[in-house]
N, C-alpha and C. Protein backbone atom coordinates (compact mmCIF):
# COMPACT_ATOMS: atom_id res chain seq x y z
N MET A 1 0.86 -1.17 0.00
CA MET A 1 0.00 0.00 0.00
C MET A 1 0.90 1.22 0.00
N SER A 2 0.55 2.19 -0.81
CA SER A 2 1.34 3.41 -0.89
C SER A 2 1.16 4.25 0.38
N PHE A 3 2.11 5.15 0.58
CA PHE A 3 2.07 6.00 1.76
C PHE A 3 0.82 6.88 1.77
N LYS A 4 0.46 7.37 0.60
CA LYS A 4 -0.71 8.25 0.50
C LYS A 4 -2.00 7.51 0.87
N LYS A 5 -2.12 6.28 0.38
CA LYS A 5 -3.32 5.50 0.69
C LYS A 5 -3.33 5.09 2.16
N GLN A 6 -2.17 4.73 2.71
CA GLN A 6 -2.10 4.36 4.12
C GLN A 6 -2.43 5.55 5.01
N ALA A 7 -1.96 6.74 4.65
CA ALA A 7 -2.28 7.94 5.42
C ALA A 7 -3.77 8.24 5.35
N THR A 8 -4.36 8.04 4.17
CA THR A 8 -5.80 8.26 4.03
C THR A 8 -6.59 7.30 4.90
N VAL A 9 -6.18 6.04 4.94
CA VAL A 9 -6.86 5.04 5.77
C VAL A 9 -6.74 5.40 7.24
N MET A 10 -5.55 5.77 7.69
CA MET A 10 -5.36 6.07 9.11
C MET A 10 -6.09 7.34 9.53
N ILE A 11 -6.05 8.37 8.72
CA ILE A 11 -6.75 9.61 9.07
C ILE A 11 -8.25 9.40 9.07
N SER A 12 -8.76 8.69 8.07
CA SER A 12 -10.20 8.47 8.02
C SER A 12 -10.67 7.60 9.18
N ASN A 13 -9.87 6.64 9.61
CA ASN A 13 -10.26 5.82 10.75
C ASN A 13 -10.15 6.57 12.07
N ALA A 14 -9.19 7.49 12.19
CA ALA A 14 -9.10 8.32 13.39
C ALA A 14 -10.32 9.25 13.48
N VAL A 15 -10.71 9.83 12.35
CA VAL A 15 -11.90 10.70 12.33
C VAL A 15 -13.15 9.88 12.63
N LEU A 16 -13.23 8.68 12.07
CA LEU A 16 -14.37 7.81 12.34
C LEU A 16 -14.42 7.39 13.81
N GLY A 17 -13.27 7.18 14.43
CA GLY A 17 -13.23 6.87 15.86
C GLY A 17 -13.76 8.01 16.71
N LEU A 18 -13.38 9.24 16.37
CA LEU A 18 -13.92 10.40 17.08
C LEU A 18 -15.41 10.57 16.83
N PHE A 19 -15.83 10.32 15.60
CA PHE A 19 -17.25 10.37 15.27
C PHE A 19 -18.03 9.35 16.10
N THR A 20 -17.46 8.18 16.30
CA THR A 20 -18.10 7.14 17.11
C THR A 20 -18.34 7.62 18.53
N CYS A 21 -17.34 8.27 19.11
CA CYS A 21 -17.48 8.76 20.48
C CYS A 21 -18.55 9.84 20.58
N TYR A 22 -18.51 10.79 19.66
CA TYR A 22 -19.51 11.85 19.69
C TYR A 22 -20.91 11.32 19.41
N LEU A 23 -21.03 10.35 18.52
CA LEU A 23 -22.34 9.76 18.23
C LEU A 23 -22.87 9.01 19.44
N TYR A 24 -21.99 8.29 20.14
CA TYR A 24 -22.40 7.58 21.35
C TYR A 24 -22.89 8.56 22.41
N LEU A 25 -22.13 9.65 22.60
CA LEU A 25 -22.57 10.66 23.57
C LEU A 25 -23.88 11.31 23.15
N TYR A 26 -24.06 11.57 21.86
CA TYR A 26 -25.30 12.14 21.37
C TYR A 26 -26.47 11.22 21.68
N PHE A 27 -26.32 9.94 21.38
CA PHE A 27 -27.41 9.00 21.65
C PHE A 27 -27.67 8.91 23.15
N TRP A 28 -26.62 8.95 23.95
CA TRP A 28 -26.81 8.85 25.40
C TRP A 28 -27.51 10.08 25.94
N ILE A 29 -27.13 11.26 25.49
CA ILE A 29 -27.70 12.49 26.02
C ILE A 29 -29.13 12.72 25.52
N PHE A 30 -29.35 12.58 24.22
CA PHE A 30 -30.64 12.96 23.65
C PHE A 30 -31.68 11.83 23.62
N VAL A 31 -31.23 10.60 23.63
CA VAL A 31 -32.19 9.50 23.55
C VAL A 31 -32.55 8.98 24.94
N SER A 32 -31.56 8.85 25.80
CA SER A 32 -31.84 8.25 27.11
C SER A 32 -31.04 8.95 28.20
N MET A 33 -31.35 10.20 28.45
CA MET A 33 -30.60 11.01 29.41
C MET A 33 -30.69 10.47 30.83
N ALA A 34 -31.82 9.95 31.22
CA ALA A 34 -31.98 9.50 32.61
C ALA A 34 -31.29 8.16 32.86
N ALA A 35 -30.96 7.44 31.82
CA ALA A 35 -30.34 6.12 31.97
C ALA A 35 -28.85 6.27 32.23
N PRO A 36 -28.22 5.23 32.74
CA PRO A 36 -26.76 5.27 32.91
C PRO A 36 -26.06 5.35 31.54
N ILE A 37 -24.78 5.69 31.55
CA ILE A 37 -24.05 5.90 30.30
C ILE A 37 -23.94 4.63 29.46
N ILE A 38 -23.96 3.47 30.08
CA ILE A 38 -23.92 2.21 29.35
C ILE A 38 -25.34 1.65 29.31
N ASN A 39 -25.99 1.77 28.15
CA ASN A 39 -27.34 1.24 27.98
C ASN A 39 -27.54 0.80 26.55
N LEU A 40 -28.65 0.13 26.31
CA LEU A 40 -28.91 -0.48 25.00
C LEU A 40 -29.16 0.56 23.92
N LYS A 41 -29.88 1.62 24.23
CA LYS A 41 -30.17 2.63 23.21
C LYS A 41 -28.91 3.33 22.73
N ALA A 42 -27.99 3.58 23.64
CA ALA A 42 -26.74 4.22 23.24
C ALA A 42 -25.86 3.27 22.44
N PHE A 43 -25.97 1.97 22.70
CA PHE A 43 -25.19 0.99 21.95
C PHE A 43 -25.65 0.88 20.50
N LEU A 44 -26.84 1.36 20.18
CA LEU A 44 -27.28 1.38 18.78
C LEU A 44 -26.37 2.26 17.93
N SER A 45 -25.80 3.29 18.53
CA SER A 45 -24.88 4.14 17.79
C SER A 45 -23.61 3.38 17.41
N LEU A 46 -23.23 2.39 18.21
CA LEU A 46 -22.05 1.60 17.88
C LEU A 46 -22.29 0.73 16.65
N ILE A 47 -23.50 0.27 16.47
CA ILE A 47 -23.83 -0.51 15.28
C ILE A 47 -23.68 0.36 14.04
N ILE A 48 -24.14 1.59 14.12
CA ILE A 48 -24.00 2.53 13.01
C ILE A 48 -22.53 2.78 12.71
N SER A 49 -21.75 3.03 13.75
CA SER A 49 -20.33 3.33 13.56
C SER A 49 -19.55 2.13 13.03
N LEU A 50 -19.84 0.94 13.53
CA LEU A 50 -19.13 -0.24 13.04
C LEU A 50 -19.50 -0.56 11.60
N THR A 51 -20.73 -0.26 11.21
CA THR A 51 -21.11 -0.43 9.82
C THR A 51 -20.34 0.54 8.94
N LEU A 52 -20.24 1.79 9.37
CA LEU A 52 -19.45 2.77 8.63
C LEU A 52 -17.99 2.36 8.55
N PHE A 53 -17.45 1.82 9.64
CA PHE A 53 -16.07 1.34 9.67
C PHE A 53 -15.86 0.24 8.63
N GLY A 54 -16.76 -0.71 8.58
CA GLY A 54 -16.64 -1.81 7.63
C GLY A 54 -16.74 -1.36 6.19
N VAL A 55 -17.70 -0.49 5.91
CA VAL A 55 -17.90 -0.01 4.53
C VAL A 55 -16.72 0.85 4.08
N LEU A 56 -16.26 1.74 4.96
CA LEU A 56 -15.14 2.62 4.62
C LEU A 56 -13.89 1.81 4.33
N ASN A 57 -13.57 0.89 5.20
CA ASN A 57 -12.34 0.13 5.01
C ASN A 57 -12.45 -0.90 3.89
N ALA A 58 -13.62 -1.42 3.65
CA ALA A 58 -13.78 -2.33 2.52
C ALA A 58 -13.58 -1.59 1.20
N SER A 59 -14.02 -0.33 1.15
CA SER A 59 -13.83 0.44 -0.07
C SER A 59 -12.40 0.93 -0.23
N LEU A 60 -11.72 1.26 0.87
CA LEU A 60 -10.36 1.77 0.78
C LEU A 60 -9.31 0.65 0.70
N ILE A 61 -9.49 -0.39 1.47
CA ILE A 61 -8.46 -1.43 1.59
C ILE A 61 -8.75 -2.63 0.72
N GLY A 62 -9.95 -3.12 0.79
CA GLY A 62 -10.27 -4.38 0.12
C GLY A 62 -10.37 -5.49 1.15
N ARG A 63 -10.43 -6.71 0.68
CA ARG A 63 -10.64 -7.83 1.59
C ARG A 63 -9.38 -8.63 1.88
N GLU A 64 -8.39 -8.58 1.05
CA GLU A 64 -7.27 -9.51 1.15
C GLU A 64 -6.12 -9.04 2.03
N GLN A 65 -6.04 -7.79 2.34
CA GLN A 65 -4.86 -7.26 3.02
C GLN A 65 -5.09 -7.22 4.52
N ILE A 66 -4.62 -8.24 5.20
CA ILE A 66 -4.84 -8.40 6.65
C ILE A 66 -4.10 -7.33 7.45
N MET A 67 -2.86 -7.03 7.09
CA MET A 67 -2.06 -6.09 7.86
C MET A 67 -2.68 -4.68 7.83
N GLU A 68 -3.21 -4.29 6.69
CA GLU A 68 -3.83 -2.97 6.59
C GLU A 68 -5.12 -2.90 7.41
N TRP A 69 -5.86 -4.00 7.47
CA TRP A 69 -7.05 -4.05 8.31
C TRP A 69 -6.66 -3.92 9.78
N LEU A 70 -5.53 -4.52 10.17
CA LEU A 70 -5.06 -4.37 11.56
C LEU A 70 -4.68 -2.93 11.85
N TYR A 71 -3.95 -2.28 10.93
CA TYR A 71 -3.62 -0.86 11.11
C TYR A 71 -4.88 -0.01 11.23
N ALA A 72 -5.84 -0.28 10.38
CA ALA A 72 -7.10 0.48 10.41
C ALA A 72 -7.83 0.26 11.73
N SER A 73 -7.89 -0.98 12.18
CA SER A 73 -8.59 -1.30 13.43
C SER A 73 -7.91 -0.67 14.63
N PHE A 74 -6.58 -0.75 14.68
CA PHE A 74 -5.85 -0.15 15.80
C PHE A 74 -5.96 1.37 15.80
N THR A 75 -5.98 1.98 14.63
CA THR A 75 -6.16 3.43 14.55
C THR A 75 -7.55 3.82 15.04
N TYR A 76 -8.55 3.08 14.61
CA TYR A 76 -9.94 3.34 15.02
C TYR A 76 -10.10 3.19 16.53
N LEU A 77 -9.62 2.07 17.07
CA LEU A 77 -9.75 1.82 18.51
C LEU A 77 -8.86 2.76 19.32
N GLY A 78 -7.70 3.13 18.78
CA GLY A 78 -6.82 4.07 19.47
C GLY A 78 -7.44 5.45 19.59
N ALA A 79 -8.12 5.89 18.54
CA ALA A 79 -8.80 7.20 18.60
C ALA A 79 -9.91 7.17 19.64
N ILE A 80 -10.63 6.06 19.71
CA ILE A 80 -11.69 5.94 20.73
C ILE A 80 -11.08 5.91 22.12
N ALA A 81 -10.01 5.15 22.31
CA ALA A 81 -9.36 5.07 23.62
C ALA A 81 -8.80 6.42 24.05
N LEU A 82 -8.22 7.16 23.12
CA LEU A 82 -7.69 8.48 23.44
C LEU A 82 -8.81 9.43 23.83
N PHE A 83 -9.92 9.41 23.12
CA PHE A 83 -11.06 10.26 23.45
C PHE A 83 -11.60 9.91 24.84
N VAL A 84 -11.75 8.63 25.13
CA VAL A 84 -12.27 8.20 26.43
C VAL A 84 -11.31 8.61 27.54
N ALA A 85 -10.01 8.47 27.32
CA ALA A 85 -9.03 8.86 28.33
C ALA A 85 -9.09 10.36 28.61
N ILE A 86 -9.17 11.16 27.57
CA ILE A 86 -9.25 12.61 27.75
C ILE A 86 -10.59 12.99 28.40
N PHE A 87 -11.68 12.37 27.97
CA PHE A 87 -12.99 12.64 28.55
C PHE A 87 -13.04 12.25 30.02
N TRP A 88 -12.35 11.16 30.37
CA TRP A 88 -12.36 10.67 31.73
C TRP A 88 -11.50 11.57 32.64
N LEU A 89 -10.40 12.10 32.12
CA LEU A 89 -9.52 12.94 32.94
C LEU A 89 -10.10 14.31 33.20
N PHE A 90 -10.87 14.83 32.26
CA PHE A 90 -11.40 16.19 32.42
C PHE A 90 -12.84 16.09 32.66
């Protein structure tokens, strides 16, 4: 994979990871504010985000390249972990 394509995959997955966090918070605040932060209605946003993750990476990477899927997955999960860590500290 070229550097340009790898950078595109990593940046798009980092943005998608941040989008996942904001979408989860949106569903938690506006759909079920009285419920605890971990609930079924808020988890519906994760289904939307994981579908977007699969479609985005299938179109950018393809199906055969395992190492690129690992890079994409770690970038996506790393962006989510970084957001949660920052949100938890402040």
